[in-house]
Protein backbone atom coordinates (compact mmCIF):
# COMPACT_ATOMS: atom_id res chain seq x y z
CA MET A 1 0.00 0.00 0.00
CA ILE A 2 2.79 2.41 0.92
CA ARG A 3 4.64 1.53 -2.29
CA ALA A 4 1.57 2.28 -4.38
CA LEU A 5 1.05 5.63 -2.63
CA THR A 6 4.72 6.51 -3.04
CA PHE A 7 4.62 5.56 -6.72
CA SER A 8 1.48 7.59 -7.37
CA LEU A 9 2.92 10.57 -5.51
CA LEU A 10 6.12 10.44 -7.57
CA LEU A 11 4.11 10.05 -10.77
CA TRP A 12 1.94 13.02 -9.83
CA LEU A 13 4.99 15.16 -9.00
CA SER A 14 6.60 14.34 -12.35
CA LEU A 15 3.67 15.68 -14.40
CA PRO A 16 5.02 19.25 -14.65
CA ALA A 17 8.18 17.88 -16.26
CA HIS A 18 6.14 16.82 -19.27
CA ALA A 19 4.62 20.28 -19.63
CA ILE A 20 7.80 21.99 -20.84
CA ASP A 21 6.33 23.37 -24.04
CA PRO A 22 2.78 22.30 -24.81
CA SER A 23 2.64 24.21 -28.08
CA ASP A 24 2.93 22.42 -31.40
CA LYS A 25 6.01 22.62 -33.58
CA LEU A 26 6.33 25.56 -35.91
CA GLU A 27 4.92 24.89 -39.36
CA ASP A 28 8.09 25.91 -41.19
CA PRO A 29 10.84 23.33 -40.50
CA VAL A 30 13.55 26.01 -40.83
CA GLN A 31 11.84 28.16 -38.21
CA ASP A 32 11.31 25.14 -35.96
CA GLU A 33 15.00 24.20 -36.23
CA LEU A 34 15.94 27.81 -35.39
CA TYR A 35 13.58 27.74 -32.39
CA GLN A 36 15.08 24.48 -31.12
CA ARG A 37 18.65 25.74 -31.57
CA ILE A 38 18.04 29.04 -29.78
CA THR A 39 16.18 27.48 -26.86
CA GLU A 40 19.09 25.06 -26.36
CA GLU A 41 21.62 27.92 -26.35
CA VAL A 42 19.75 30.18 -23.91
CA ARG A 43 20.31 29.65 -20.19
CA CYS A 44 17.36 29.47 -17.82
CA LEU A 45 17.80 32.43 -15.49
CA VAL A 46 16.04 30.60 -12.66
CA CYS A 47 17.72 27.18 -12.90
CA GLN A 48 21.05 28.45 -14.35
CA ASN A 49 22.20 24.91 -15.12
CA GLN A 50 19.59 24.19 -17.76
CA SER A 51 18.68 25.60 -21.09
CA ILE A 52 15.22 27.07 -21.40
CA ALA A 53 14.31 24.12 -23.63
CA ASN A 54 14.68 21.76 -20.65
CA SER A 55 13.50 24.03 -17.85
CA THR A 56 10.05 23.98 -16.29
CA ALA A 57 10.44 27.39 -14.65
CA PRO A 58 7.73 29.93 -15.52
CA LEU A 59 10.35 32.41 -16.72
CA ALA A 60 11.75 29.80 -19.13
CA ALA A 61 8.24 29.22 -20.51
CA ASP A 62 7.85 32.98 -20.99
CA LEU A 63 11.18 33.16 -22.80
CA ARG A 64 10.22 30.23 -25.05
CA ARG A 65 6.95 31.98 -25.94
CA GLU A 66 8.78 35.25 -26.62
CA ILE A 67 11.37 33.52 -28.83
CA ARG A 68 8.59 31.70 -30.68
CA ARG A 69 6.71 34.97 -31.24
CA MET A 70 9.84 36.69 -32.54
CA ILE A 71 10.57 33.82 -34.94
CA GLU A 72 7.00 33.87 -36.23
CA GLU A 73 7.34 37.63 -36.79
CA GLY A 74 10.44 37.01 -38.91
CA SER A 75 13.29 37.88 -36.54
CA ASN A 76 16.57 36.13 -37.20
CA GLU A 77 18.88 34.48 -34.66
CA THR A 78 21.07 37.54 -34.20
CA GLU A 79 18.11 39.82 -33.51
CA ILE A 80 16.67 37.39 -30.97
CA LYS A 81 19.98 36.94 -29.16
CA ASP A 82 20.57 40.72 -29.17
CA PHE A 83 17.13 41.19 -27.59
CA LEU A 84 17.86 38.60 -24.90
CA VAL A 85 21.34 39.97 -24.13
CA GLU A 86 20.01 43.53 -23.97
CA ARG A 87 17.28 42.48 -21.57
CA TYR A 88 19.11 39.91 -19.39
CA GLY A 89 22.83 40.42 -20.02
CA ASP A 90 25.49 38.13 -21.50
CA PHE A 91 24.82 35.54 -18.80
CA VAL A 92 21.68 34.44 -20.65
CA LEU A 93 23.79 32.84 -23.42
CA TYR A 94 25.71 29.64 -22.78
CA ARG A 95 28.35 30.85 -25.23
CA PRO A 96 28.75 34.58 -24.57
CA ARG A 97 29.95 36.76 -27.38
CA PHE A 98 33.57 37.82 -27.69
CA ARG A 99 33.83 41.43 -26.58
CA SER A 100 36.67 43.63 -25.41
CA TRP A 101 35.55 43.73 -21.77
CA ASN A 102 35.42 39.94 -21.47
CA LEU A 103 38.76 39.43 -23.20
CA VAL A 104 40.27 38.28 -19.90
CA LEU A 105 37.70 35.50 -19.63
CA TRP A 106 38.45 34.22 -23.11
CA LEU A 107 42.23 34.59 -23.08
CA GLY A 108 42.92 34.10 -19.34
CA PRO A 109 43.16 30.29 -19.42
CA ILE A 110 45.48 30.34 -22.43
CA VAL A 111 47.76 32.93 -20.81
CA LEU A 112 47.83 31.01 -17.50
CA LEU A 113 48.68 27.72 -19.24
CA THR A 114 51.45 29.39 -21.25
CA VAL A 115 52.95 31.03 -18.15
CA GLY A 116 52.76 27.72 -16.27
CA PHE A 117 54.47 25.84 -19.11
CA ILE A 118 57.24 28.44 -19.34
CA ALA A 119 57.78 28.30 -15.55
CA LEU A 120 57.99 24.50 -15.74
CA VAL A 121 60.57 24.58 -18.54
CA VAL A 122 62.68 27.21 -16.72
CA ASN A 123 62.54 25.20 -13.48
CA VAL A 124 63.57 21.96 -15.20
CA ARG A 125 66.50 23.67 -16.96
CA ARG A 126 67.73 25.23 -13.72
CA ARG A 127 67.60 21.92 -11.90
CA LYS A 128 69.43 20.27 -14.77
CA ASN A 129 72.35 22.71 -14.35
CA LEU A 130 72.64 22.25 -10.57
CA PRO A 131 75.73 20.36 -9.36
CA VAL A 132 75.15 16.79 -8.29
CA ASP A 133 76.24 15.89 -4.75
CA GLU A 134 77.83 12.48 -5.15
CA ASP A 135 78.13 11.90 -1.41
CA ALA A 136 74.35 12.03 -0.95
CA PRO A 137 72.61 8.64 -0.65
């Protein structure tokens, strides 16, 4: 009896997960592919670890509807992403655009790896030139 109640409770709680986007696909396959691609690339601002395509948050549903409306009105991917970035900031995109102010974020790891490699090479060369103590065990 307890198993059946637990199972039905879990089943009931999982129903909102199936209500991600109840609307039908867009009629134009090109527009539908664009819609799918954009919703996978836009971060849910509530969940932050999910795209809006996979999120059940009300804000994600609103963003999906807004993106769908813009696509149906003829907006392209750049216009839609510009709208989202203007409204929510660069954080809304999983792959933020390359801009001068975020240059450190893009080039920082490369610079740190290069500096680390150079330090390693210098350290190995210095140790190679040290005299060897032959009396040491």
